[in-house]
Amino acid sequence: MILDKIIVDEEVFLSPVQQGDEDALVEHLQDKEIHDNTCVIPFPHTYQHAQEWIETVQKRIKERGITLDWAIRISEEKLIGCISFHGHNLSCMEVVKHTDEIGYWLARPYRGKGITTKVVKKVCEIGFEQLGLVRIEAPVFAFNDASLKVLEKVGFQLEGIQRKCYFKNGKFIDGKMYALVK
């Protein structure tokens, strides 16, 4: 169940991140705002970072038999962002198999067009219908208003403030925990 191509709408689709996506990843991830709004994306983003991440994704697909890391693509197959489940539901711990966490980013030229909202909604449908999830979590930096709006449009609810939950760029950052429950 690799889910090779997932149609989101007439222009946008999802497919596994793959070799050949390096240049688009490096280009889009030079946007410091993406780094500032995510936990683990390095800045500046190098070709080596892109290669290592693609290798990690391909290894996960091989180990799991499923992709949980998708490239967001437009009709000409150009990568414009990424969205992932973090794979918590694949844990051997029975108490968390019904829950996973989602993360995403979209390149600057494509923001403000409703793409991220459609993609998050579609991936959550896959999580509930095909992965057997009952709960999808989305921890977000408290200052990331754009992401908060996307989650709220999709139906996620704020469950709490995570005070000083993150430490990045030499300072503590509050988080907000959002969740969507089936």
N, C-alpha and C. Protein backbone atom coordinates (compact mmCIF):
# COMPACT_ATOMS: atom_id res chain seq x y z
N MET A 1 0.84 -1.19 0.00
CA MET A 1 0.00 0.00 0.00
C MET A 1 0.89 1.25 0.00
N ILE A 2 1.58 1.49 -1.09
CA ILE A 2 2.47 2.64 -1.17
C ILE A 2 1.70 3.91 -1.51
N LEU A 3 0.54 3.84 -2.10
CA LEU A 3 -0.24 5.01 -2.49
C LEU A 3 0.60 5.89 -3.41
N ASP A 4 0.90 5.36 -4.61
CA ASP A 4 1.80 6.03 -5.54
C ASP A 4 1.35 7.41 -5.98
N LYS A 5 0.06 7.59 -6.24
CA LYS A 5 -0.42 8.89 -6.69
C LYS A 5 -1.79 9.14 -6.08
N ILE A 6 -1.91 10.23 -5.36
CA ILE A 6 -3.16 10.59 -4.70
C ILE A 6 -3.62 11.91 -5.31
N ILE A 7 -4.76 11.89 -5.96
CA ILE A 7 -5.31 13.09 -6.58
C ILE A 7 -5.98 13.94 -5.51
N VAL A 8 -5.59 15.20 -5.42
CA VAL A 8 -6.19 16.13 -4.47
C VAL A 8 -7.26 16.95 -5.19
N ASP A 9 -6.93 17.50 -6.35
CA ASP A 9 -7.89 18.19 -7.22
C ASP A 9 -7.35 18.14 -8.64
N GLU A 10 -7.91 18.92 -9.55
CA GLU A 10 -7.51 18.84 -10.96
C GLU A 10 -6.07 19.29 -11.21
N GLU A 11 -5.47 20.01 -10.28
CA GLU A 11 -4.10 20.47 -10.47
C GLU A 11 -3.09 19.89 -9.49
N VAL A 12 -3.55 19.50 -8.32
CA VAL A 12 -2.64 19.10 -7.24
C VAL A 12 -2.76 17.61 -6.97
N PHE A 13 -1.61 16.96 -6.80
CA PHE A 13 -1.61 15.55 -6.39
C PHE A 13 -0.43 15.30 -5.47
N LEU A 14 -0.48 14.16 -4.82
CA LEU A 14 0.58 13.73 -3.91
C LEU A 14 1.21 12.47 -4.47
N SER A 15 2.51 12.34 -4.28
CA SER A 15 3.21 11.11 -4.63
C SER A 15 4.43 11.02 -3.73
N PRO A 16 5.02 9.83 -3.62
CA PRO A 16 6.18 9.70 -2.74
C PRO A 16 7.32 10.65 -3.15
N VAL A 17 8.03 11.14 -2.17
CA VAL A 17 9.24 11.90 -2.43
C VAL A 17 10.24 10.93 -3.05
N GLN A 18 10.97 11.37 -4.06
CA GLN A 18 11.83 10.45 -4.80
C GLN A 18 13.09 11.14 -5.30
N GLN A 19 14.04 10.32 -5.74
CA GLN A 19 15.23 10.86 -6.37
C GLN A 19 14.77 11.69 -7.56
N GLY A 20 15.41 12.83 -7.75
CA GLY A 20 14.99 13.77 -8.78
C GLY A 20 14.29 14.98 -8.17
N ASP A 21 13.88 14.87 -6.90
CA ASP A 21 13.23 15.99 -6.20
C ASP A 21 14.24 16.90 -5.50
N GLU A 22 15.51 16.56 -5.55
CA GLU A 22 16.52 17.31 -4.80
C GLU A 22 16.53 18.80 -5.15
N ASP A 23 16.54 19.12 -6.44
CA ASP A 23 16.64 20.53 -6.83
C ASP A 23 15.45 21.34 -6.33
N ALA A 24 14.26 20.80 -6.43
CA ALA A 24 13.07 21.51 -5.96
C ALA A 24 13.11 21.68 -4.44
N LEU A 25 13.55 20.64 -3.73
CA LEU A 25 13.66 20.74 -2.27
C LEU A 25 14.65 21.84 -1.88
N VAL A 26 15.81 21.83 -2.51
CA VAL A 26 16.82 22.84 -2.19
C VAL A 26 16.30 24.24 -2.52
N GLU A 27 15.68 24.39 -3.67
CA GLU A 27 15.16 25.70 -4.08
C GLU A 27 14.12 26.22 -3.07
N HIS A 28 13.13 25.42 -2.77
CA HIS A 28 12.03 25.88 -1.91
C HIS A 28 12.45 26.03 -0.45
N LEU A 29 13.38 25.20 -0.01
CA LEU A 29 13.75 25.22 1.41
C LEU A 29 14.84 26.24 1.72
N GLN A 30 15.15 27.11 0.76
CA GLN A 30 15.99 28.28 1.05
C GLN A 30 15.15 29.38 1.70
N ASP A 31 13.86 29.16 1.79
CA ASP A 31 12.93 30.10 2.44
C ASP A 31 13.07 29.93 3.95
N LYS A 32 13.67 30.91 4.61
CA LYS A 32 13.92 30.81 6.05
C LYS A 32 12.63 30.69 6.85
N GLU A 33 11.53 31.20 6.31
CA GLU A 33 10.25 31.09 7.01
C GLU A 33 9.85 29.63 7.21
N ILE A 34 10.15 28.77 6.24
CA ILE A 34 9.85 27.34 6.40
C ILE A 34 10.67 26.77 7.54
N HIS A 35 11.95 27.08 7.56
CA HIS A 35 12.82 26.64 8.67
C HIS A 35 12.29 27.15 10.00
N ASP A 36 11.94 28.42 10.05
CA ASP A 36 11.50 29.03 11.31
C ASP A 36 10.19 28.44 11.83
N ASN A 37 9.36 27.92 10.93
CA ASN A 37 8.04 27.40 11.32
C ASN A 37 7.98 25.88 11.47
N THR A 38 9.12 25.21 11.30
CA THR A 38 9.16 23.76 11.44
C THR A 38 10.27 23.36 12.42
N CYS A 39 10.18 22.14 12.91
CA CYS A 39 11.14 21.69 13.93
C CYS A 39 12.48 21.24 13.36
N VAL A 40 12.48 20.56 12.23
CA VAL A 40 13.69 19.84 11.84
C VAL A 40 14.26 20.19 10.47
N ILE A 41 13.67 21.09 9.72
CA ILE A 41 14.20 21.40 8.39
C ILE A 41 15.39 22.35 8.54
N PRO A 42 16.58 21.91 8.09
CA PRO A 42 17.78 22.74 8.26
C PRO A 42 17.78 23.96 7.32
N PHE A 43 18.50 24.99 7.75
CA PHE A 43 18.68 26.19 6.94
C PHE A 43 20.11 26.66 7.11
N PRO A 44 20.81 27.00 6.03
CA PRO A 44 20.35 26.84 4.66
C PRO A 44 20.25 25.36 4.29
N HIS A 45 19.36 25.07 3.37
CA HIS A 45 19.10 23.69 2.97
C HIS A 45 20.02 23.36 1.80
N THR A 46 20.80 22.31 1.95
CA THR A 46 21.78 21.94 0.92
C THR A 46 21.29 20.75 0.10
N TYR A 47 21.98 20.51 -0.99
CA TYR A 47 21.69 19.35 -1.83
C TYR A 47 21.88 18.07 -1.02
N GLN A 48 22.90 18.05 -0.17
CA GLN A 48 23.14 16.87 0.68
C GLN A 48 21.97 16.65 1.64
N HIS A 49 21.43 17.73 2.23
CA HIS A 49 20.26 17.58 3.10
C HIS A 49 19.11 16.94 2.32
N ALA A 50 18.88 17.42 1.10
CA ALA A 50 17.79 16.89 0.28
C ALA A 50 18.01 15.41 -0.03
N GLN A 51 19.22 15.06 -0.43
CA GLN A 51 19.54 13.66 -0.72
C GLN A 51 19.32 12.77 0.50
N GLU A 52 19.80 13.23 1.64
CA GLU A 52 19.66 12.43 2.87
C GLU A 52 18.19 12.23 3.24
N TRP A 53 17.38 13.28 3.07
CA TRP A 53 15.97 13.14 3.41
C TRP A 53 15.26 12.18 2.45
N ILE A 54 15.57 12.28 1.16
CA ILE A 54 14.98 11.36 0.17
C ILE A 54 15.39 9.92 0.49
N GLU A 55 16.65 9.70 0.84
CA GLU A 55 17.11 8.36 1.21
C GLU A 55 16.36 7.85 2.45
N THR A 56 16.14 8.73 3.42
CA THR A 56 15.39 8.36 4.62
C THR A 56 13.96 7.96 4.27
N VAL A 57 13.32 8.74 3.41
CA VAL A 57 11.95 8.43 3.00
C VAL A 57 11.90 7.10 2.26
N GLN A 58 12.83 6.87 1.34
CA GLN A 58 12.85 5.61 0.59
C GLN A 58 13.09 4.42 1.53
N LYS A 59 13.94 4.60 2.52
CA LYS A 59 14.19 3.55 3.51
C LYS A 59 12.92 3.26 4.30
N ARG A 60 12.20 4.31 4.71
CA ARG A 60 10.95 4.13 5.45
C ARG A 60 9.92 3.36 4.61
N ILE A 61 9.82 3.70 3.33
CA ILE A 61 8.87 2.99 2.46
C ILE A 61 9.23 1.51 2.40
N LYS A 62 10.51 1.21 2.24
CA LYS A 62 10.96 -0.18 2.16
C LYS A 62 10.67 -0.93 3.46
N GLU A 63 10.94 -0.28 4.60
CA GLU A 63 10.73 -0.93 5.90
C GLU A 63 9.25 -1.11 6.22
N ARG A 64 8.45 -0.10 5.91
CA ARG A 64 7.04 -0.10 6.31
C ARG A 64 6.11 -0.70 5.27
N GLY A 65 6.55 -0.69 4.01
CA GLY A 65 5.67 -1.13 2.93
C GLY A 65 4.62 -0.09 2.57
N ILE A 66 4.80 1.11 3.07
CA ILE A 66 3.83 2.19 2.83
C ILE A 66 4.57 3.51 2.92
N THR A 67 4.11 4.48 2.13
CA THR A 67 4.68 5.82 2.29
C THR A 67 3.80 6.65 3.20
N LEU A 68 4.42 7.38 4.08
CA LEU A 68 3.73 8.34 4.93
C LEU A 68 4.31 9.74 4.70
N ASP A 69 5.20 9.86 3.71
CA ASP A 69 5.85 11.12 3.36
C ASP A 69 5.58 11.40 1.88
N TRP A 70 4.77 12.40 1.61
CA TRP A 70 4.40 12.70 0.23
C TRP A 70 4.93 14.04 -0.22
N ALA A 71 5.28 14.10 -1.51
CA ALA A 71 5.55 15.38 -2.16
C ALA A 71 4.20 15.94 -2.59
N ILE A 72 4.01 17.22 -2.38
CA ILE A 72 2.85 17.93 -2.92
C ILE A 72 3.30 18.40 -4.29
N ARG A 73 2.54 18.01 -5.32
CA ARG A 73 2.96 18.32 -6.69
C ARG A 73 1.83 19.01 -7.45
N ILE A 74 2.24 19.80 -8.45
CA ILE A 74 1.27 20.39 -9.35
C ILE A 74 1.32 19.63 -10.66
N SER A 75 0.40 19.92 -11.55
CA SER A 75 0.15 19.10 -12.73
C SER A 75 1.39 18.66 -13.50
N GLU A 76 2.41 19.49 -13.58
CA GLU A 76 3.59 19.07 -14.34
C GLU A 76 4.58 18.27 -13.49
N GLU A 77 4.10 17.75 -12.36
CA GLU A 77 4.86 16.88 -11.45
C GLU A 77 5.96 17.60 -10.69
N LYS A 78 5.90 18.92 -10.64
CA LYS A 78 6.90 19.68 -9.88
C LYS A 78 6.55 19.66 -8.40
N LEU A 79 7.55 19.34 -7.57
CA LEU A 79 7.37 19.35 -6.13
C LEU A 79 7.24 20.80 -5.66
N ILE A 80 6.16 21.07 -4.89
CA ILE A 80 5.93 22.42 -4.36
C ILE A 80 5.81 22.42 -2.84
N GLY A 81 5.93 21.24 -2.24
CA GLY A 81 5.84 21.13 -0.79
C GLY A 81 5.86 19.68 -0.38
N CYS A 82 5.70 19.44 0.91
CA CYS A 82 5.68 18.08 1.44
C CYS A 82 4.69 17.99 2.59
N ILE A 83 4.17 16.80 2.80
CA ILE A 83 3.29 16.52 3.93
C ILE A 83 3.59 15.10 4.40
N SER A 84 3.58 14.90 5.69
CA SER A 84 3.94 13.58 6.25
C SER A 84 3.12 13.25 7.47
N PHE A 85 2.88 11.94 7.63
CA PHE A 85 2.54 11.40 8.94
C PHE A 85 3.87 10.97 9.53
N HIS A 86 4.02 11.10 10.82
CA HIS A 86 5.31 10.77 11.42
C HIS A 86 5.47 9.30 11.77
N GLY A 87 4.44 8.50 11.57
CA GLY A 87 4.57 7.06 11.72
C GLY A 87 4.40 6.54 13.12
N HIS A 88 3.87 7.37 14.03
CA HIS A 88 3.67 6.91 15.41
C HIS A 88 2.73 5.72 15.47
N ASN A 89 1.75 5.67 14.56
CA ASN A 89 0.79 4.57 14.60
C ASN A 89 1.41 3.24 14.19
N LEU A 90 2.62 3.25 13.66
CA LEU A 90 3.29 2.01 13.30
C LEU A 90 4.11 1.45 14.46
N SER A 91 4.04 2.15 15.57
CA SER A 91 4.73 1.72 16.78
C SER A 91 4.19 0.37 17.23
N CYS A 92 5.00 -0.35 17.94
CA CYS A 92 4.54 -1.63 18.48
C CYS A 92 3.69 -1.44 19.73
N MET A 93 3.56 -0.20 20.17
CA MET A 93 2.78 0.07 21.38
C MET A 93 1.29 0.16 21.03
N GLU A 94 0.53 -0.81 21.45
CA GLU A 94 -0.89 -0.90 21.12
C GLU A 94 -1.66 0.34 21.54
N VAL A 95 -1.24 0.99 22.60
CA VAL A 95 -2.00 2.13 23.12
C VAL A 95 -1.96 3.36 22.21
N VAL A 96 -1.05 3.40 21.23
CA VAL A 96 -0.98 4.57 20.34
C VAL A 96 -1.19 4.25 18.87
N LYS A 97 -1.57 3.05 18.54
CA LYS A 97 -1.72 2.68 17.13
C LYS A 97 -2.80 3.46 16.40
N HIS A 98 -3.70 4.06 17.11
CA HIS A 98 -4.81 4.79 16.50
C HIS A 98 -4.50 6.28 16.30
N THR A 99 -3.32 6.73 16.69
CA THR A 99 -2.96 8.15 16.68
C THR A 99 -1.71 8.37 15.84
N ASP A 100 -1.68 9.46 15.09
CA ASP A 100 -0.45 9.87 14.41
C ASP A 100 -0.39 11.39 14.38
N GLU A 101 0.77 11.87 13.98
CA GLU A 101 1.04 13.31 13.94
C GLU A 101 1.31 13.71 12.50
N ILE A 102 0.83 14.88 12.10
CA ILE A 102 0.99 15.36 10.74
C ILE A 102 1.87 16.61 10.74
N GLY A 103 2.66 16.75 9.68
CA GLY A 103 3.47 17.94 9.47
C GLY A 103 3.53 18.25 7.99
N TYR A 104 3.72 19.52 7.64
CA TYR A 104 3.68 19.92 6.24
C TYR A 104 4.35 21.27 6.04
N TRP A 105 4.71 21.53 4.78
CA TRP A 105 5.18 22.85 4.35
C TRP A 105 4.83 23.03 2.89
N LEU A 106 4.70 24.27 2.46
CA LEU A 106 4.39 24.60 1.07
C LEU A 106 5.28 25.76 0.63
N ALA A 107 5.78 25.67 -0.61
CA ALA A 107 6.64 26.72 -1.15
C ALA A 107 5.89 28.05 -1.23
N ARG A 108 6.62 29.12 -0.99
CA ARG A 108 6.04 30.46 -0.93
C ARG A 108 5.15 30.83 -2.12
N PRO A 109 5.54 30.58 -3.38
CA PRO A 109 4.69 31.03 -4.50
C PRO A 109 3.30 30.38 -4.54
N TYR A 110 3.11 29.31 -3.79
CA TYR A 110 1.85 28.56 -3.85
C TYR A 110 0.97 28.78 -2.62
N ARG A 111 1.45 29.57 -1.68
CA ARG A 111 0.68 29.83 -0.46
C ARG A 111 -0.47 30.78 -0.74
N GLY A 112 -1.49 30.71 0.11
CA GLY A 112 -2.63 31.62 0.00
C GLY A 112 -3.61 31.24 -1.10
N LYS A 113 -3.48 30.04 -1.64
CA LYS A 113 -4.35 29.59 -2.73
C LYS A 113 -5.23 28.41 -2.33
N GLY A 114 -5.21 28.06 -1.06
CA GLY A 114 -6.04 26.96 -0.57
C GLY A 114 -5.44 25.58 -0.77
N ILE A 115 -4.23 25.51 -1.32
CA ILE A 115 -3.61 24.21 -1.60
C ILE A 115 -3.35 23.43 -0.32
N THR A 116 -2.74 24.08 0.66
CA THR A 116 -2.40 23.37 1.89
C THR A 116 -3.65 22.84 2.58
N THR A 117 -4.70 23.62 2.61
CA THR A 117 -5.95 23.18 3.24
C THR A 117 -6.48 21.92 2.56
N LYS A 118 -6.51 21.92 1.22
CA LYS A 118 -6.99 20.74 0.48
C LYS A 118 -6.12 19.52 0.74
N VAL A 119 -4.81 19.74 0.76
CA VAL A 119 -3.87 18.63 0.95
C VAL A 119 -4.00 18.05 2.35
N VAL A 120 -4.05 18.90 3.37
CA VAL A 120 -4.19 18.41 4.74
C VAL A 120 -5.50 17.64 4.89
N LYS A 121 -6.57 18.16 4.32
CA LYS A 121 -7.87 17.47 4.39
C LYS A 121 -7.78 16.09 3.74
N LYS A 122 -7.18 16.01 2.57
CA LYS A 122 -7.06 14.74 1.84
C LYS A 122 -6.21 13.73 2.63
N VAL A 123 -5.09 14.18 3.17
CA VAL A 123 -4.21 13.27 3.91
C VAL A 123 -4.89 12.79 5.19
N CYS A 124 -5.66 13.64 5.82
CA CYS A 124 -6.41 13.21 7.01
C CYS A 124 -7.46 12.16 6.64
N GLU A 125 -8.12 12.33 5.50
CA GLU A 125 -9.07 11.31 5.02
C GLU A 125 -8.36 9.97 4.84
N ILE A 126 -7.17 10.00 4.25
CA ILE A 126 -6.39 8.77 4.08
C ILE A 126 -6.04 8.17 5.43
N GLY A 127 -5.65 9.02 6.37
CA GLY A 127 -5.31 8.54 7.71
C GLY A 127 -6.48 7.82 8.36
N PHE A 128 -7.66 8.40 8.26
CA PHE A 128 -8.83 7.79 8.89
C PHE A 128 -9.32 6.56 8.12
N GLU A 129 -9.41 6.67 6.79
CA GLU A 129 -10.03 5.62 5.98
C GLU A 129 -9.09 4.46 5.65
N GLN A 130 -7.81 4.74 5.43
CA GLN A 130 -6.90 3.68 4.97
C GLN A 130 -5.88 3.25 6.01
N LEU A 131 -5.54 4.14 6.93
CA LEU A 131 -4.53 3.80 7.94
C LEU A 131 -5.15 3.42 9.27
N GLY A 132 -6.46 3.56 9.39
CA GLY A 132 -7.14 3.17 10.63
C GLY A 132 -6.94 4.12 11.79
N LEU A 133 -6.57 5.35 11.49
CA LEU A 133 -6.39 6.32 12.56
C LEU A 133 -7.73 6.75 13.13
N VAL A 134 -7.72 7.13 14.38
CA VAL A 134 -8.89 7.69 15.05
C VAL A 134 -8.58 9.14 15.46
N ARG A 135 -7.30 9.44 15.60
CA ARG A 135 -6.86 10.76 16.06
C ARG A 135 -5.62 11.19 15.27
N ILE A 136 -5.65 12.43 14.77
CA ILE A 136 -4.51 13.01 14.08
C ILE A 136 -4.13 14.29 14.81
N GLU A 137 -2.88 14.34 15.25
CA GLU A 137 -2.39 15.49 16.00
C GLU A 137 -1.54 16.39 15.11
N ALA A 138 -1.56 17.68 15.43
CA ALA A 138 -0.75 18.66 14.71
C ALA A 138 -0.19 19.67 15.70
N PRO A 139 1.00 19.40 16.23
CA PRO A 139 1.63 20.40 17.09
C PRO A 139 2.21 21.52 16.22
N VAL A 140 1.97 22.76 16.62
CA VAL A 140 2.36 23.92 15.81
C VAL A 140 3.00 24.96 16.71
N PHE A 141 4.02 25.64 16.21
CA PHE A 141 4.55 26.79 16.95
C PHE A 141 3.42 27.80 17.10
N ALA A 142 3.28 28.37 18.28
CA ALA A 142 2.15 29.26 18.58
C ALA A 142 2.09 30.48 17.67
N PHE A 143 3.22 30.90 17.11
CA PHE A 143 3.25 32.09 16.25
C PHE A 143 2.94 31.79 14.78
N ASN A 144 2.77 30.52 14.43
CA ASN A 144 2.58 30.14 13.03
C ASN A 144 1.10 30.27 12.64
N ASP A 145 0.66 31.51 12.47
CA ASP A 145 -0.75 31.79 12.21
C ASP A 145 -1.28 31.11 10.94
N ALA A 146 -0.47 31.06 9.89
CA ALA A 146 -0.93 30.45 8.64
C ALA A 146 -1.28 28.98 8.84
N SER A 147 -0.43 28.26 9.55
CA SER A 147 -0.70 26.84 9.80
C SER A 147 -1.90 26.66 10.72
N LEU A 148 -2.03 27.53 11.71
CA LEU A 148 -3.19 27.45 12.61
C LEU A 148 -4.49 27.61 11.83
N LYS A 149 -4.50 28.53 10.87
CA LYS A 149 -5.70 28.76 10.06
C LYS A 149 -6.02 27.54 9.20
N VAL A 150 -5.00 26.93 8.60
CA VAL A 150 -5.21 25.72 7.80
C VAL A 150 -5.87 24.64 8.65
N LEU A 151 -5.30 24.39 9.81
CA LEU A 151 -5.83 23.33 10.67
C LEU A 151 -7.27 23.60 11.07
N GLU A 152 -7.57 24.83 11.41
CA GLU A 152 -8.94 25.17 11.81
C GLU A 152 -9.92 25.01 10.65
N LYS A 153 -9.50 25.37 9.42
CA LYS A 153 -10.37 25.19 8.25
C LYS A 153 -10.68 23.72 8.01
N VAL A 154 -9.72 22.85 8.29
CA VAL A 154 -9.90 21.41 8.08
C VAL A 154 -10.76 20.79 9.19
N GLY A 155 -10.87 21.47 10.32
CA GLY A 155 -11.69 20.96 11.42
C GLY A 155 -10.92 20.56 12.66
N PHE A 156 -9.61 20.76 12.65
CA PHE A 156 -8.82 20.49 13.85
C PHE A 156 -9.26 21.44 14.96
N GLN A 157 -9.17 20.96 16.19
CA GLN A 157 -9.52 21.78 17.34
C GLN A 157 -8.30 21.98 18.22
N LEU A 158 -8.20 23.18 18.76
CA LEU A 158 -7.12 23.48 19.70
C LEU A 158 -7.38 22.73 20.99
N GLU A 159 -6.38 21.96 21.42
CA GLU A 159 -6.52 21.20 22.66
C GLU A 159 -5.72 21.80 23.80
N GLY A 160 -4.74 22.63 23.48
CA GLY A 160 -3.99 23.23 24.57
C GLY A 160 -2.76 23.98 24.11
N ILE A 161 -2.25 24.77 25.02
CA ILE A 161 -1.01 25.51 24.82
C ILE A 161 0.11 24.72 25.48
N GLN A 162 1.21 24.57 24.76
CA GLN A 162 2.38 23.87 25.28
C GLN A 162 3.45 24.92 25.58
N ARG A 163 3.46 25.39 26.81
CA ARG A 163 4.38 26.47 27.17
C ARG A 163 5.83 25.99 27.14
N LYS A 164 6.66 26.78 26.47
CA LYS A 164 8.10 26.50 26.35
C LYS A 164 8.38 25.06 25.94
N CYS A 165 7.58 24.58 25.03
CA CYS A 165 7.68 23.19 24.58
C CYS A 165 8.89 22.96 23.67
N TYR A 166 9.26 23.96 22.91
CA TYR A 166 10.34 23.84 21.93
C TYR A 166 11.48 24.78 22.29
N PHE A 167 12.69 24.41 21.87
CA PHE A 167 13.84 25.29 22.00
C PHE A 167 14.51 25.35 20.64
N LYS A 168 14.47 26.52 20.02
CA LYS A 168 15.00 26.66 18.66
C LYS A 168 15.61 28.05 18.51
N ASN A 169 16.71 28.11 17.80
CA ASN A 169 17.39 29.38 17.55
C ASN A 169 17.69 30.13 18.85
N GLY A 170 18.03 29.39 19.89
CA GLY A 170 18.44 30.00 21.15
C GLY A 170 17.33 30.51 22.04
N LYS A 171 16.08 30.12 21.73
CA LYS A 171 14.99 30.59 22.60
C LYS A 171 13.89 29.54 22.73
N PHE A 172 13.17 29.64 23.83
CA PHE A 172 12.03 28.75 24.04
C PHE A 172 10.83 29.25 23.24
N ILE A 173 10.06 28.31 22.72
CA ILE A 173 8.90 28.64 21.90
C ILE A 173 7.70 27.89 22.44
N ASP A 174 6.59 28.59 22.57
CA ASP A 174 5.34 27.94 22.94
C ASP A 174 4.77 27.22 21.73
N GLY A 175 4.09 26.12 22.00
CA GLY A 175 3.41 25.38 20.96
C GLY A 175 1.91 25.37 21.21
N LYS A 176 1.19 25.01 20.18
CA LYS A 176 -0.25 24.78 20.31
C LYS A 176 -0.51 23.38 19.77
N MET A 177 -1.25 22.59 20.52
CA MET A 177 -1.59 21.24 20.09
C MET A 177 -3.00 21.26 19.51
N TYR A 178 -3.08 20.90 18.24
CA TYR A 178 -4.36 20.75 17.56
C TYR A 178 -4.57 19.27 17.29
N ALA A 179 -5.83 18.86 17.23
CA ALA A 179 -6.14 17.47 16.91
C ALA A 179 -7.45 17.39 16.15
N LEU A 180 -7.51 16.39 15.29
CA LEU A 180 -8.72 16.04 14.55
C LEU A 180 -9.06 14.62 14.94
N VAL A 181 -10.29 14.40 15.37
CA VAL A 181 -10.71 13.09 15.86
C VAL A 181 -11.84 12.58 14.98
N LYS A 182 -11.75 11.31 14.61
CA LYS A 182 -12.77 10.68 13.76
C LYS A 182 -14.04 10.44 14.56
